[in-house]
Protein backbone atom coordinates (compact mmCIF):
# COMPACT_ATOMS: atom_id res chain seq x y z
CA MET A 1 87.13 -0.96 115.80
CA VAL A 2 87.01 -4.61 116.59
CA VAL A 3 90.43 -6.38 117.25
CA GLU A 4 91.48 -10.10 117.16
CA MET A 5 94.26 -10.45 119.71
CA ARG A 6 96.17 -13.58 118.20
CA THR A 7 98.73 -15.78 119.83
CA TYR A 8 100.65 -18.20 117.81
CA LYS A 9 102.96 -20.92 118.84
CA THR A 10 105.14 -22.42 116.11
CA LYS A 11 106.67 -25.90 115.92
CA PRO A 12 110.15 -25.65 117.68
CA GLY A 13 112.61 -23.53 115.69
CA ARG A 14 110.05 -22.34 113.08
CA ARG A 15 109.12 -18.89 114.34
CA ALA A 16 111.71 -16.92 112.14
CA GLU A 17 110.76 -18.78 109.02
CA PHE A 18 106.99 -18.48 109.80
CA LEU A 19 107.48 -14.66 110.48
CA GLU A 20 109.55 -14.00 107.32
CA ILE A 21 106.67 -15.37 105.17
CA PHE A 22 104.01 -13.77 107.37
CA CYS A 23 105.47 -10.32 107.20
CA ARG A 24 106.30 -10.37 103.36
CA LYS A 25 103.20 -11.97 102.16
CA SER A 26 100.37 -12.16 104.55
CA VAL A 27 100.43 -8.70 106.12
CA PRO A 28 100.37 -6.83 102.80
CA ALA A 29 97.37 -9.17 101.72
CA HIS A 30 95.58 -8.22 105.05
CA GLU A 31 96.21 -4.60 104.48
CA GLU A 32 95.00 -4.64 100.88
CA ILE A 33 91.56 -5.94 102.21
CA GLY A 34 91.54 -3.08 104.75
CA MET A 35 92.52 -4.91 107.94
CA LYS A 36 94.99 -3.19 110.25
CA ILE A 37 98.00 -5.38 111.59
CA LEU A 38 99.74 -4.43 114.71
CA GLY A 39 102.78 -6.58 115.38
CA PRO A 40 104.01 -9.10 115.22
CA PHE A 41 105.45 -8.97 118.95
CA LEU A 42 107.94 -11.73 119.81
CA SER A 43 107.46 -13.55 123.13
CA VAL A 44 110.65 -12.99 125.40
CA GLU A 45 109.75 -16.18 127.33
CA ASP A 46 109.14 -18.55 124.55
CA PRO A 47 111.37 -18.61 121.39
CA ASP A 48 108.41 -20.20 119.38
CA ALA A 49 105.72 -17.78 120.35
CA PHE A 50 104.50 -14.42 119.04
CA PHE A 51 101.60 -12.18 119.06
CA PHE A 52 99.88 -9.90 116.73
CA MET A 53 96.50 -7.99 116.51
CA ARG A 54 94.39 -7.71 113.53
CA GLY A 55 91.77 -4.98 113.30
CA PHE A 56 88.43 -4.51 111.58
CA PRO A 57 86.47 -1.23 111.20
CA ASP A 58 83.42 -2.96 113.02
CA LEU A 59 82.01 -6.48 113.87
CA ALA A 60 79.84 -6.49 110.72
CA SER A 61 83.06 -6.19 108.49
CA ARG A 62 84.83 -8.87 110.24
CA GLU A 63 83.56 -11.97 108.60
CA PRO A 64 83.41 -10.54 104.93
CA MET A 65 87.04 -9.21 105.33
CA LYS A 66 88.14 -12.60 106.70
CA ALA A 67 86.43 -14.38 103.96
CA LYS A 68 88.04 -12.27 101.27
CA PHE A 69 91.58 -13.23 102.76
CA TYR A 70 90.83 -16.97 103.35
CA GLU A 71 88.91 -17.61 100.05
CA GLY A 72 91.71 -15.70 98.06
CA ASP A 73 94.22 -17.22 95.77
CA LEU A 74 97.11 -16.31 97.98
CA TRP A 75 95.93 -18.23 101.01
CA ARG A 76 94.37 -21.11 99.25
CA THR A 77 97.20 -21.84 96.89
CA GLU A 78 100.23 -20.82 99.00
CA LEU A 79 99.97 -19.57 102.40
CA GLU A 80 97.76 -22.30 104.00
CA ARG A 81 99.89 -25.04 102.90
CA THR A 82 103.10 -23.20 103.69
CA LEU A 83 102.30 -21.58 107.09
CA MET A 84 99.86 -23.99 108.73
CA PRO A 85 102.23 -26.98 108.97
CA MET A 86 104.70 -24.61 110.81
CA LEU A 87 102.13 -23.95 113.60
CA ASP A 88 101.75 -25.95 116.73
CA ARG A 89 98.61 -23.85 117.84
CA PHE A 90 96.98 -20.46 117.85
CA ASP A 91 94.42 -18.75 119.93
CA VAL A 92 92.22 -15.73 119.09
CA ALA A 93 90.38 -13.38 121.49
CA LEU A 94 88.04 -10.94 119.96
CA VAL A 95 87.83 -7.50 121.67
CA ASP A 96 86.25 -4.09 121.19
CA ASP A 97 88.35 -0.89 121.07
CA PRO A 98 85.90 1.32 122.93
CA GLU A 99 85.49 4.92 121.63
CA GLU A 100 85.74 6.27 125.23
CA LYS A 101 88.70 5.25 127.38
CA ILE A 102 87.64 3.08 130.06
CA CYS A 103 90.27 3.79 132.64
CA TRP A 104 91.22 7.39 131.91
C-alpha cells in the first residue's frame, strides 16, 4: 500500500466547518473510488490543523484514483469551491507501507 500523509492548516477558526464537510462528503467519495482514509486526527497544539492519511493499493493506482476524484462532479462543482477557500495550506508526504515490518 502507498499512503499519502496529509497535513492541513485551515484559515483561523475554519477547522470544524471544513471537517464537517470533509467527513460528510469527501471521505465517502474517496471510499467509493477505493481509497482508504484514516483520520482525521486533530492537532492538540494548533486549533486550525489536522492530519489524515489516504491509502492506495499501489503506486500505479494512485494517479488514476486521484484523477477519478478530482475530475469528478462532486469535486469540480462543489467541494473545490467550498473547501479550498477555507485552507491556509496543506502538505503531502508519500510513503510506502512495507510488507515486512522494518523495526520488528
